Amino acid sequence: MRGRRQWIVLLAGLLLGLAGAGGGARASSSIPSVPRYGVLEQSIGVRVAAEASPDRVSVDVRLVSPTRKSYAVGGFYEGPSSWKFRFAPSELGRWHWQARVRGGTLRGPSSGAFDVVRSASPGFVRISPYNPLRWTFANGTPYYPIGLNECTNVQNRRAELWGLDGGFRVGPQHSPGRLVDIDTYMRAYSSAGFNLFRWGPDNCSFALYERIDPAGNVYLESGMAAADRLFKTLRRYGFRIEMVLFGSNPPFGSDSDPAKLAAVDRYVKYVVDRYGAYVDFWELTNEASPSDAWVTQVAGYLRQVDPYHHPVGTNWGRPQLPVIQFGTDHWYQTEDASRSDAVAWSRLRRESALSYRKPTLVDEQGNTGLNWDATSALRLRLRSWTAFFAETGLVFWNTSFIKNCCPNGTSSVYIGPQERGYVRVLQRYTAGFDPRATISAATVAPSGAARAYALRGPLAYGLYLVAAGSRAAPLSGVTVTIRPERAGTATWIDPATGRVLRQPKVRAGTRQLSVPPFTTDIALKVQ
């Protein structure tokens, strides 16, 4: 009760300060300004006894918005004598914060203010209010993810060097291939339209902790600092982040001991405090099978302490659990590229999360055998387009440092200039696409000439056709029956190049269109 009264006094002081400061968005020269949905990073002086573990110290920060909403975040230990808190504000105007510490003493200012100014950011990713299988940003604009995984292990000097556009490896088995700096890598993929990056510890990546233990957790300062640099760089290049908290062997995954689960919760809280302002998706584990009770406990605590309410998933997926908000899957396969769309559609429309009306991220996707072959770029193109029409997001595991990677088993995928060009065309097509659109039917004539995938909404209609049978010559003489809800311009494009092939005007309702000749695939958008 005493602690509660103390917070009431602190908040009352903050509200009095707000009353005098006003709620305008104009920044004061005497306090910092932060872009809306940007990250405030504030240092806090904390004195801790020499024998005390930072894991047993907590810094609690309350923030009050211009509209008097209160938010709670935690400070985190960054290194000797260094504590900080981070916060991503959603309201314009003057904010105030107040900090207190347990297990140590504050030195220096324990409160402050900052101004939030306008920015171009649409906010964090949310489950769409229009379609529970899709995503939008906080401001309601649609988000259609297509993402990357990448190795960031010790051999990669903790994410400082990245593979890009390498050729065939001819040297020793473990020669590094072609490596570039992180900015060159991120620039290449962000400009191609990749907009999501999945990362977690202990998955071809560096670690974040030495141990999770009831006697005290030990975090790895070098790993935490490397994740800081990685996440800040990703956000600078426009990537959204899916962060995995644990690898394939989560601590105490089948244990119900409260002390052990409390240690897990302390790590979860640390991760939320340090990285939550940068992240859009949480994933508890990677290819792990902890008990349902463990997933429910840890995900429930994660949702409790996350002030941003990021969606929570886990892998292997548990969409049947109420605490899990989206499904995840890992899919590696090398099929005949001429049928990649059909294979993808069959796979993606069977995702278990669909039966629970939850969105799905296939957050590891690639080939088997080798990461590259003569048709792998086509395979990636057909899978990517089909995933969009199947209301699913793909996150490819990229290995573009060489073309002959990983000949045994799962091998990921090579995403070079050709593949990036294909993704760029797709992302231009999906940009701003009607978030209310859902899967629809389209009829092709002659029957069996092409496989059709359609989306229909009040603002746009989309169609993707893939030729069936031989592709030695362009397919011509095909018609398709569509049902756009609005009249508009029907733009036919070539998914390989983005070239506009035809742009007739169409009226709303059931219409039959002549399809321009095409060899492999073709796309239509009416809006």
Protein backbone atom coordinates (compact mmCIF):
# COMPACT_ATOMS: atom_id res chain seq x y z
CA MET A 1 0.00 0.00 0.00
CA ARG A 2 2.86 2.35 0.83
CA GLY A 3 4.33 1.81 -2.66
CA ARG A 4 0.97 2.54 -4.22
CA ARG A 5 0.65 5.83 -2.27
CA GLN A 6 4.17 6.76 -3.36
CA TRP A 7 3.25 6.30 -7.02
CA ILE A 8 0.07 8.34 -6.54
CA VAL A 9 2.15 11.21 -5.15
CA LEU A 10 4.62 10.93 -8.04
CA LEU A 11 1.87 10.88 -10.65
CA ALA A 12 0.11 13.82 -9.04
CA GLY A 13 3.33 15.80 -9.37
CA LEU A 14 3.63 14.83 -13.01
CA LEU A 15 0.05 15.87 -13.72
CA LEU A 16 0.62 19.25 -12.08
CA GLY A 17 3.63 19.71 -14.35
CA LEU A 18 1.49 18.79 -17.35
CA ALA A 19 -1.14 21.34 -16.41
CA GLY A 20 1.48 24.08 -16.56
CA ALA A 21 3.23 22.75 -19.68
CA GLY A 22 0.26 22.39 -22.03
CA GLY A 23 -0.22 19.68 -24.64
CA GLY A 24 1.16 21.26 -27.80
CA ALA A 25 3.57 19.44 -30.11
CA ARG A 26 6.10 22.28 -30.31
CA ALA A 27 9.44 21.22 -28.83
CA SER A 28 11.07 23.28 -26.10
CA SER A 29 14.73 24.15 -26.52
CA SER A 30 15.40 23.14 -22.90
CA ILE A 31 14.19 19.55 -23.13
CA PRO A 32 14.72 16.82 -25.72
CA SER A 33 12.32 16.22 -28.60
CA VAL A 34 11.45 12.75 -29.89
CA PRO A 35 9.67 11.86 -33.15
CA ARG A 36 6.30 10.20 -32.69
CA TYR A 37 6.93 6.43 -32.48
CA GLY A 38 10.65 7.17 -32.28
CA VAL A 39 12.69 6.07 -29.27
CA LEU A 40 13.51 8.15 -26.24
CA GLU A 41 16.68 6.79 -24.61
CA GLN A 42 17.33 8.27 -21.17
CA SER A 43 20.28 7.54 -18.87
CA ILE A 44 19.57 7.15 -15.16
CA GLY A 45 22.13 7.28 -12.36
CA VAL A 46 21.83 4.24 -10.08
CA ARG A 47 24.17 3.34 -7.21
CA VAL A 48 24.24 -0.36 -6.37
CA ALA A 49 26.21 -2.12 -3.64
CA ALA A 50 29.34 -3.81 -4.96
CA GLU A 51 28.09 -7.25 -4.03
CA ALA A 52 24.59 -6.76 -5.48
CA SER A 53 23.58 -8.43 -8.74
CA PRO A 54 22.05 -6.08 -11.34
CA ASP A 55 19.52 -8.86 -11.91
CA ARG A 56 18.12 -8.09 -8.44
CA VAL A 57 17.82 -4.33 -9.02
CA SER A 58 14.80 -2.81 -10.72
CA VAL A 59 14.27 0.68 -12.08
CA ASP A 60 10.61 1.52 -12.58
CA VAL A 61 9.63 4.48 -14.74
CA ARG A 62 6.19 6.03 -15.06
CA LEU A 63 5.44 8.25 -18.04
CA VAL A 64 2.43 10.50 -18.39
CA SER A 65 1.21 11.59 -21.81
CA PRO A 66 -0.33 14.93 -22.79
CA THR A 67 -3.79 13.34 -22.47
CA ARG A 68 -2.95 12.12 -18.93
CA LYS A 69 -2.46 8.46 -19.91
CA SER A 70 0.07 6.63 -17.74
CA TYR A 71 2.64 4.12 -19.04
CA ALA A 72 5.07 1.91 -17.12
CA VAL A 73 8.47 0.83 -18.43
CA GLY A 74 11.56 -0.55 -16.75
CA GLY A 75 15.11 0.63 -16.76
CA PHE A 76 17.82 -1.82 -17.76
CA TYR A 77 21.42 -2.40 -16.76
CA GLU A 78 23.71 -1.62 -19.70
CA GLY A 79 27.08 -1.99 -18.01
CA PRO A 80 29.04 -0.80 -14.96
CA SER A 81 27.35 2.31 -13.55
CA SER A 82 25.17 2.58 -16.68
CA TRP A 83 21.38 2.30 -16.51
CA LYS A 84 18.87 3.51 -19.09
CA PHE A 85 15.24 3.37 -20.04
CA ARG A 86 13.71 3.47 -23.52
CA PHE A 87 10.25 4.47 -24.59
CA ALA A 88 8.45 4.85 -27.93
CA PRO A 89 5.71 7.50 -27.48
CA SER A 90 2.48 7.51 -29.46
CA GLU A 91 1.10 10.97 -28.61
CA LEU A 92 2.23 14.39 -29.74
CA GLY A 93 3.03 16.99 -27.10
CA ARG A 94 4.73 17.29 -23.72
CA TRP A 95 5.44 14.10 -21.75
CA HIS A 96 6.77 13.73 -18.21
CA TRP A 97 8.52 10.82 -16.56
CA GLN A 98 9.43 9.83 -13.00
CA ALA A 99 11.78 7.00 -11.96
CA ARG A 100 12.32 5.06 -8.77
CA VAL A 101 14.73 2.24 -7.96
CA ARG A 102 14.49 -0.87 -5.82
CA GLY A 103 17.65 -2.60 -4.67
CA GLY A 104 19.78 0.54 -5.11
CA THR A 105 19.62 4.31 -4.90
CA LEU A 106 19.10 6.97 -7.54
CA ARG A 107 21.85 9.49 -8.14
CA GLY A 108 21.09 12.48 -10.27
CA PRO A 109 17.70 13.49 -11.73
CA SER A 110 14.81 11.11 -11.08
CA SER A 111 12.31 12.88 -13.34
CA GLY A 112 12.16 14.80 -16.58
CA ALA A 113 10.16 15.82 -19.62
CA PHE A 114 10.35 15.54 -23.38
CA ASP A 115 8.38 16.79 -26.35
CA VAL A 116 7.00 14.43 -29.00
CA VAL A 117 6.93 15.94 -32.47
CA ARG A 118 5.41 14.79 -35.75
CA SER A 119 7.04 12.06 -37.80
CA ALA A 120 6.33 9.98 -40.88
CA SER A 121 6.12 6.75 -38.88
CA PRO A 122 2.77 4.90 -39.09
CA GLY A 123 3.31 3.31 -35.66
CA PHE A 124 3.72 -0.27 -34.52
CA VAL A 125 2.29 -3.27 -36.39
CA ARG A 126 -1.10 -4.51 -35.19
CA ILE A 127 -3.49 -7.29 -36.15
CA SER A 128 -5.78 -5.74 -38.71
CA PRO A 129 -9.18 -4.53 -37.48
CA TYR A 130 -10.52 -5.26 -40.98
CA ASN A 131 -9.24 -8.82 -41.46
CA PRO A 132 -7.92 -10.92 -38.53
CA LEU A 133 -5.51 -12.72 -40.89
CA ARG A 134 -3.75 -9.51 -41.93
CA TRP A 135 -1.66 -6.74 -40.37
CA THR A 136 -1.93 -2.97 -40.26
CA PHE A 137 0.07 -0.21 -38.65
CA ALA A 138 -1.28 1.71 -35.67
CA ASN A 139 -2.56 4.43 -38.00
CA GLY A 140 -4.63 1.90 -39.98
CA THR A 141 -2.51 1.67 -43.12
CA PRO A 142 -1.89 -1.91 -44.31
CA TYR A 143 1.34 -3.79 -43.63
CA TYR A 144 2.20 -6.72 -45.90
CA PRO A 145 5.35 -8.35 -44.54
CA ILE A 146 8.07 -9.97 -46.58
CA GLY A 147 11.16 -10.56 -44.54
CA LEU A 148 14.60 -11.96 -43.91
CA ASN A 149 16.51 -14.11 -41.45
CA GLU A 150 20.30 -13.99 -41.55
CA CYS A 151 23.17 -15.57 -39.62
CA THR A 152 24.75 -13.18 -37.10
CA ASN A 153 27.01 -15.62 -35.27
CA VAL A 154 30.54 -15.13 -33.97
CA GLN A 155 32.06 -15.93 -37.39
CA ASN A 156 30.12 -12.93 -38.64
CA ARG A 157 31.74 -10.78 -35.93
CA ARG A 158 28.38 -10.20 -34.30
CA ALA A 159 26.47 -8.79 -37.25
CA GLU A 160 29.21 -6.46 -38.53
CA LEU A 161 29.76 -8.36 -41.80
CA TRP A 162 27.01 -9.67 -44.03
CA GLY A 163 26.89 -11.86 -47.13
CA LEU A 164 25.70 -10.23 -50.33
CA ASP A 165 25.65 -11.33 -53.97
CA GLY A 166 28.40 -13.92 -53.76
CA GLY A 167 29.17 -16.43 -56.46
CA PHE A 168 30.00 -20.13 -56.32
CA ARG A 169 32.40 -21.09 -53.54
CA VAL A 170 35.51 -22.75 -54.91
CA GLY A 171 37.77 -22.59 -51.85
CA PRO A 172 37.62 -24.40 -48.50
CA GLN A 173 34.22 -25.54 -47.25
CA HIS A 174 34.06 -22.79 -44.64
CA SER A 175 35.43 -19.90 -46.69
CA PRO A 176 33.26 -16.86 -45.99
CA GLY A 177 32.21 -15.99 -49.52
CA ARG A 178 31.44 -12.35 -50.33
CA LEU A 179 30.93 -10.15 -47.26
CA VAL A 180 29.95 -6.48 -47.02
CA ASP A 181 29.31 -4.00 -44.21
CA ILE A 182 25.90 -3.90 -42.56
CA ASP A 183 24.82 -0.63 -44.21
CA THR A 184 25.49 -1.97 -47.72
CA TYR A 185 23.50 -5.09 -46.91
CA MET A 186 20.53 -3.30 -45.34
CA ARG A 187 20.39 -0.73 -48.11
CA ALA A 188 20.23 -3.47 -50.77
CA TYR A 189 17.34 -5.32 -49.15
CA SER A 190 15.32 -2.40 -47.84
CA SER A 191 15.38 -0.74 -51.27
CA ALA A 192 14.01 -4.00 -52.70
CA GLY A 193 11.00 -3.83 -50.40
CA PHE A 194 11.98 -6.26 -47.65
CA ASN A 195 10.30 -4.84 -44.56
CA LEU A 196 10.70 -7.37 -41.75
CA PHE A 197 13.75 -8.89 -40.06
CA ARG A 198 13.54 -11.86 -37.70
CA TRP A 199 16.28 -12.29 -35.13
CA GLY A 200 16.78 -14.21 -31.92
CA PRO A 201 19.69 -15.51 -29.83
CA ASP A 202 21.23 -18.95 -30.33
CA ASN A 203 19.90 -19.50 -33.87
CA CYS A 204 23.00 -19.08 -36.05
CA SER A 205 23.42 -15.97 -33.91
CA PHE A 206 25.13 -14.62 -30.83
CA ALA A 207 23.78 -15.20 -27.32
CA LEU A 208 22.15 -12.72 -24.95
CA TYR A 209 22.58 -14.54 -21.65
CA GLU A 210 25.04 -16.86 -19.97
CA ARG A 211 22.48 -18.41 -17.68
CA ILE A 212 18.91 -18.07 -16.46
CA ASP A 213 18.92 -19.19 -12.86
CA PRO A 214 16.89 -18.68 -9.66
CA ALA A 215 20.14 -17.66 -7.97
CA GLY A 216 20.54 -14.81 -10.44
CA ASN A 217 20.50 -14.37 -14.21
CA VAL A 218 23.73 -13.48 -15.97
CA TYR A 219 23.33 -11.47 -19.17
CA LEU A 220 26.05 -11.05 -21.79
CA GLU A 221 26.83 -7.35 -22.13
CA SER A 222 28.57 -7.84 -25.48
CA GLY A 223 25.59 -9.71 -26.94
CA MET A 224 23.08 -7.19 -25.62
CA ALA A 225 25.13 -4.33 -27.09
CA ALA A 226 25.37 -6.14 -30.45
CA ALA A 227 21.57 -6.53 -30.49
CA ASP A 228 21.27 -2.80 -29.74
CA ARG A 229 23.39 -1.95 -32.77
CA LEU A 230 21.55 -4.41 -34.98
CA PHE A 231 18.07 -3.22 -34.02
CA LYS A 232 18.94 0.46 -34.35
CA THR A 233 20.37 -0.18 -37.82
CA LEU A 234 17.34 -2.21 -38.87
CA ARG A 235 14.95 0.55 -37.83
CA ARG A 236 17.08 3.15 -39.60
CA TYR A 237 16.55 1.23 -42.85
CA GLY A 238 12.82 0.84 -42.31
CA PHE A 239 12.71 -2.81 -41.19
CA ARG A 240 10.17 -4.03 -38.67
CA ILE A 241 11.61 -6.51 -36.18
CA GLU A 242 10.37 -9.92 -35.06
CA MET A 243 12.41 -10.79 -31.98
CA VAL A 244 12.72 -14.35 -30.69
CA LEU A 245 13.47 -14.47 -26.96
CA PHE A 246 14.81 -18.04 -26.67
CA GLY A 247 16.43 -20.54 -29.00
CA SER A 248 15.58 -24.22 -29.36
CA ASN A 249 16.30 -25.05 -25.70
CA PRO A 250 14.39 -22.56 -23.55
CA PRO A 251 15.25 -22.68 -19.84
CA PHE A 252 12.97 -24.78 -17.64
CA GLY A 253 10.66 -25.47 -20.56
CA SER A 254 8.91 -28.35 -18.80
CA ASP A 255 9.29 -27.12 -15.23
CA SER A 256 6.64 -25.63 -12.98
CA ASP A 257 8.96 -24.52 -10.17
CA PRO A 258 7.90 -20.91 -9.36
CA ALA A 259 11.48 -19.83 -8.60
CA LYS A 260 12.71 -21.09 -11.97
CA LEU A 261 9.86 -19.48 -13.88
CA ALA A 262 10.48 -16.24 -11.97
CA ALA A 263 14.04 -16.27 -13.36
CA VAL A 264 12.62 -16.70 -16.87
CA ASP A 265 10.24 -13.81 -16.23
CA ARG A 266 13.12 -11.56 -15.13
CA TYR A 267 14.86 -12.17 -18.44
CA VAL A 268 11.62 -11.53 -20.34
CA LYS A 269 11.20 -8.24 -18.49
CA TYR A 270 14.78 -7.25 -19.26
CA VAL A 271 14.27 -7.95 -22.98
CA VAL A 272 11.02 -5.97 -23.07
CA ASP A 273 12.63 -3.03 -21.26
CA ARG A 274 15.69 -2.98 -23.50
CA TYR A 275 14.24 -3.82 -26.92
CA GLY A 276 10.47 -3.36 -26.78
CA ALA A 277 10.65 0.16 -28.21
CA TYR A 278 12.24 -1.24 -31.39
CA VAL A 279 10.31 -4.50 -31.83
CA ASP A 280 6.98 -5.14 -33.59
CA PHE A 281 6.54 -8.91 -33.02
CA TRP A 282 7.56 -11.16 -30.13
CA GLU A 283 8.29 -14.85 -30.64
CA LEU A 284 8.96 -16.86 -27.50
CA THR A 285 11.06 -19.72 -28.90
CA ASN A 286 12.62 -21.03 -32.08
CA GLU A 287 11.85 -24.64 -33.05
CA ALA A 288 11.25 -25.61 -29.44
CA SER A 289 8.53 -27.60 -27.68
CA PRO A 290 8.14 -26.33 -24.11
CA SER A 291 4.96 -27.30 -22.28
CA ASP A 292 1.71 -25.49 -22.93
CA ALA A 293 1.82 -24.37 -19.31
CA TRP A 294 5.27 -22.79 -19.84
CA VAL A 295 4.13 -21.02 -23.02
CA THR A 296 1.00 -19.75 -21.29
CA GLN A 297 2.94 -18.51 -18.27
CA VAL A 298 5.76 -16.82 -20.18
CA ALA A 299 3.60 -15.35 -22.96
CA GLY A 300 1.08 -14.13 -20.39
CA TYR A 301 3.80 -12.38 -18.41
CA LEU A 302 5.29 -10.94 -21.61
CA ARG A 303 1.95 -9.44 -22.56
CA GLN A 304 1.53 -8.09 -19.04
CA VAL A 305 4.81 -6.16 -18.99
CA ASP A 306 4.89 -4.99 -22.63
CA PRO A 307 3.57 -1.40 -22.73
CA TYR A 308 3.24 -1.54 -26.54
CA HIS A 309 1.11 -4.69 -26.75
CA HIS A 310 3.15 -6.26 -29.55
CA PRO A 311 1.59 -9.49 -30.90
CA VAL A 312 3.06 -12.68 -29.41
CA GLY A 313 3.76 -15.97 -31.17
CA THR A 314 6.01 -18.98 -30.61
CA ASN A 315 7.64 -21.66 -32.71
CA TRP A 316 6.70 -24.34 -32.94
CA GLY A 317 3.31 -22.66 -33.27
CA ARG A 318 0.60 -22.93 -30.61
CA PRO A 319 -2.28 -20.94 -32.13
CA GLN A 320 -4.76 -22.96 -30.08
CA LEU A 321 -3.53 -21.23 -26.90
CA PRO A 322 -5.48 -18.03 -26.14
CA VAL A 323 -2.29 -16.23 -25.10
CA ILE A 324 -0.72 -16.73 -28.55
CA GLN A 325 -1.86 -14.15 -31.09
CA PHE A 326 -0.35 -15.35 -34.37
CA GLY A 327 0.83 -18.59 -35.90
CA THR A 328 4.37 -19.35 -37.04
CA ASP A 329 5.74 -22.02 -39.33
CA HIS A 330 9.07 -23.03 -40.90
CA TRP A 331 8.94 -24.32 -44.44
CA TYR A 332 11.90 -25.57 -46.47
CA GLN A 333 11.25 -27.32 -49.77
CA THR A 334 12.55 -27.52 -53.33
CA GLU A 335 9.67 -28.34 -55.63
CA ASP A 336 9.35 -28.06 -59.40
CA ALA A 337 9.27 -24.29 -59.85
CA SER A 338 6.54 -24.56 -62.50
CA ARG A 339 4.15 -25.51 -59.68
CA SER A 340 5.52 -23.37 -56.86
CA ASP A 341 2.32 -21.33 -56.68
CA ALA A 342 0.14 -24.44 -56.31
CA VAL A 343 2.48 -25.93 -53.70
CA ALA A 344 2.56 -22.65 -51.77
CA TRP A 345 -1.21 -22.18 -51.88
CA SER A 346 -1.84 -25.71 -50.62
CA ARG A 347 0.70 -25.30 -47.84
CA LEU A 348 -0.31 -21.83 -46.70
CA ARG A 349 -4.05 -22.40 -46.73
CA ARG A 350 -3.55 -25.36 -44.38
CA GLU A 351 -1.80 -23.30 -41.70
CA SER A 352 -3.29 -24.21 -38.34
CA ALA A 353 -3.67 -20.59 -37.23
CA LEU A 354 -6.33 -20.08 -39.91
CA SER A 355 -8.79 -22.27 -38.04
CA TYR A 356 -8.42 -19.95 -35.04
CA ARG A 357 -8.77 -16.81 -37.21
CA LYS A 358 -5.24 -15.70 -36.38
CA PRO A 359 -2.58 -14.39 -38.81
CA THR A 360 0.43 -16.48 -39.80
CA LEU A 361 4.07 -15.67 -40.44
CA VAL A 362 6.07 -18.40 -42.15
CA ASP A 363 9.14 -16.96 -40.50
CA GLU A 364 11.72 -19.36 -41.92
CA GLN A 365 11.33 -20.14 -45.61
CA GLY A 366 13.74 -21.51 -48.17
CA ASN A 367 14.92 -24.41 -50.28
CA THR A 368 16.34 -27.81 -49.47
CA GLY A 369 19.48 -29.27 -51.02
CA LEU A 370 21.14 -26.03 -52.13
CA ASN A 371 20.22 -22.41 -51.56
CA TRP A 372 20.39 -21.62 -55.29
CA ASP A 373 19.58 -23.44 -58.51
CA ALA A 374 18.64 -22.32 -62.01
CA THR A 375 14.96 -22.01 -61.08
CA SER A 376 15.18 -20.88 -57.44
CA ALA A 377 14.56 -17.21 -58.31
CA LEU A 378 11.34 -18.18 -60.11
CA ARG A 379 10.39 -20.38 -57.16
CA LEU A 380 10.83 -17.41 -54.80
CA ARG A 381 8.75 -15.14 -57.07
CA LEU A 382 5.82 -17.51 -57.35
CA ARG A 383 5.86 -18.32 -53.63
CA SER A 384 5.99 -14.63 -52.67
CA TRP A 385 3.08 -13.57 -54.90
CA THR A 386 1.01 -16.56 -53.85
CA ALA A 387 1.64 -15.84 -50.16
CA PHE A 388 0.25 -12.33 -50.55
CA PHE A 389 -2.92 -13.68 -52.14
CA ALA A 390 -3.11 -16.43 -49.47
CA GLU A 391 -3.13 -13.76 -46.71
CA THR A 392 0.20 -14.94 -45.30
CA GLY A 393 3.67 -13.42 -44.83
CA LEU A 394 6.96 -15.10 -45.75
CA VAL A 395 10.29 -14.50 -44.01
CA PHE A 396 13.13 -16.02 -46.05
CA TRP A 397 16.32 -17.36 -44.51
CA ASN A 398 18.85 -15.59 -46.69
CA THR A 399 22.28 -16.97 -47.57
CA SER A 400 23.48 -14.73 -50.36
CA PHE A 401 27.20 -14.88 -49.52
CA ILE A 402 27.57 -17.87 -51.91
CA LYS A 403 25.38 -19.73 -54.39
CA ASN A 404 26.29 -23.28 -53.41
CA CYS A 405 25.48 -23.13 -49.73
CA CYS A 406 24.44 -25.95 -47.44
CA PRO A 407 24.18 -29.05 -49.63
CA ASN A 408 22.84 -31.22 -46.80
CA GLY A 409 19.22 -30.80 -45.76
CA THR A 410 17.73 -27.41 -45.04
CA SER A 411 19.66 -24.80 -46.96
CA SER A 412 17.74 -21.50 -46.96
CA VAL A 413 17.65 -19.37 -50.14
CA TYR A 414 19.91 -17.13 -52.20
CA ILE A 415 18.43 -13.64 -52.58
CA GLY A 416 20.54 -11.83 -55.14
CA PRO A 417 19.81 -8.99 -57.58
CA GLN A 418 17.29 -10.99 -59.62
CA GLU A 419 15.36 -12.12 -56.56
CA ARG A 420 15.39 -8.63 -55.06
CA GLY A 421 14.03 -7.28 -58.33
CA TYR A 422 11.10 -9.68 -58.12
CA VAL A 423 10.34 -8.64 -54.54
CA ARG A 424 10.53 -4.96 -55.48
CA VAL A 425 7.81 -5.45 -58.10
CA LEU A 426 5.59 -7.31 -55.63
CA GLN A 427 5.96 -4.68 -52.93
CA ARG A 428 5.09 -1.90 -55.36
CA TYR A 429 1.97 -3.85 -56.23
CA THR A 430 0.95 -4.39 -52.58
CA ALA A 431 1.74 -0.85 -51.38
CA GLY A 432 -1.47 0.61 -49.98
CA PHE A 433 -3.54 -2.32 -51.25
CA ASP A 434 -7.05 -2.31 -49.79
CA PRO A 435 -6.70 -3.68 -46.20
CA ARG A 436 -10.34 -4.82 -46.32
CA ALA A 437 -9.75 -7.13 -49.28
CA THR A 438 -10.23 -10.85 -48.68
CA ILE A 439 -9.83 -13.98 -50.78
CA SER A 440 -12.24 -14.22 -53.68
CA ALA A 441 -12.82 -16.47 -56.68
CA ALA A 442 -12.00 -15.82 -60.34
CA THR A 443 -12.95 -17.94 -63.34
CA VAL A 444 -10.43 -18.56 -66.13
CA ALA A 445 -11.33 -19.63 -69.68
CA PRO A 446 -10.40 -21.92 -71.20
CA SER A 447 -10.66 -23.94 -68.01
CA GLY A 448 -7.31 -25.19 -66.79
CA ALA A 449 -5.26 -22.72 -68.82
CA ALA A 450 -4.04 -20.95 -65.70
CA ARG A 451 -4.36 -21.07 -61.92
CA ALA A 452 -6.08 -17.98 -60.50
CA TYR A 453 -5.80 -16.29 -57.10
CA ALA A 454 -7.90 -13.24 -56.29
CA LEU A 455 -8.49 -10.64 -53.56
CA ARG A 456 -11.57 -8.44 -53.45
CA GLY A 457 -12.35 -5.43 -51.28
CA PRO A 458 -14.36 -2.22 -51.36
CA LEU A 459 -11.39 -0.20 -52.64
CA ALA A 460 -9.37 -2.62 -54.79
CA TYR A 461 -9.43 -5.90 -56.65
CA GLY A 462 -6.33 -8.04 -57.21
CA LEU A 463 -5.72 -11.07 -59.41
CA TYR A 464 -2.69 -13.30 -59.92
CA LEU A 465 -2.56 -15.84 -62.74
CA VAL A 466 0.04 -18.58 -63.24
CA ALA A 467 0.14 -20.45 -66.54
CA ALA A 468 -0.51 -24.17 -66.37
CA GLY A 469 1.26 -26.68 -68.58
CA SER A 470 4.10 -25.87 -70.99
CA ARG A 471 5.67 -22.39 -70.83
CA ALA A 472 7.70 -22.59 -74.00
CA ALA A 473 5.57 -19.92 -75.67
CA PRO A 474 3.32 -17.09 -74.42
CA LEU A 475 -0.17 -18.12 -73.38
CA SER A 476 -2.80 -16.17 -75.35
CA GLY A 477 -6.54 -16.20 -75.88
CA VAL A 478 -7.30 -16.41 -72.15
CA THR A 479 -10.18 -14.56 -70.50
CA VAL A 480 -10.99 -14.15 -66.83
CA THR A 481 -14.21 -13.28 -65.05
CA ILE A 482 -13.72 -10.85 -62.16
CA ARG A 483 -16.04 -8.99 -59.73
CA PRO A 484 -14.56 -5.65 -58.61
CA GLU A 485 -16.71 -3.72 -56.15
CA ARG A 486 -15.77 -0.38 -57.70
CA ALA A 487 -15.06 0.91 -61.17
CA GLY A 488 -11.46 1.79 -61.87
CA THR A 489 -8.38 1.26 -63.99
CA ALA A 490 -7.44 -2.39 -64.55
CA THR A 491 -3.64 -2.45 -64.64
CA TRP A 492 -2.01 -5.62 -65.96
CA ILE A 493 1.66 -6.01 -65.01
CA ASP A 494 4.47 -8.46 -65.57
CA PRO A 495 5.56 -9.74 -62.11
CA ALA A 496 9.08 -10.40 -63.40
CA THR A 497 9.76 -6.83 -64.53
CA GLY A 498 6.94 -4.63 -63.26
CA ARG A 499 6.22 -3.55 -66.83
CA VAL A 500 2.65 -2.35 -67.39
CA LEU A 501 1.09 -4.47 -70.14
CA ARG A 502 -2.40 -3.00 -70.47
CA GLN A 503 -4.62 -0.49 -68.63
CA PRO A 504 -8.30 -0.66 -69.63
CA LYS A 505 -11.09 0.99 -67.65
CA VAL A 506 -13.58 -1.39 -66.02
CA ARG A 507 -16.95 -0.96 -64.35
CA ALA A 508 -17.99 -2.45 -61.01
CA GLY A 509 -19.63 -5.87 -60.85
CA THR A 510 -19.07 -9.09 -62.76
CA ARG A 511 -16.87 -8.45 -65.79
CA GLN A 512 -15.01 -10.56 -68.32
CA LEU A 513 -11.53 -9.35 -69.28
CA SER A 514 -9.14 -10.44 -71.97
CA VAL A 515 -5.77 -11.38 -70.45
CA PRO A 516 -2.66 -10.07 -72.23
CA PRO A 517 -0.40 -12.85 -73.55
CA PHE A 518 2.01 -14.08 -70.85
CA THR A 519 4.48 -16.91 -70.42
CA THR A 520 4.68 -17.69 -66.68
CA ASP A 521 2.60 -15.35 -64.55
CA ILE A 522 0.71 -12.08 -64.75
CA ALA A 523 -0.97 -9.79 -62.21
CA LEU A 524 -3.95 -7.44 -62.31
CA LYS A 525 -4.95 -4.63 -59.97
CA VAL A 526 -8.18 -2.67 -60.22
CA GLN A 527 -8.38 0.47 -58.10
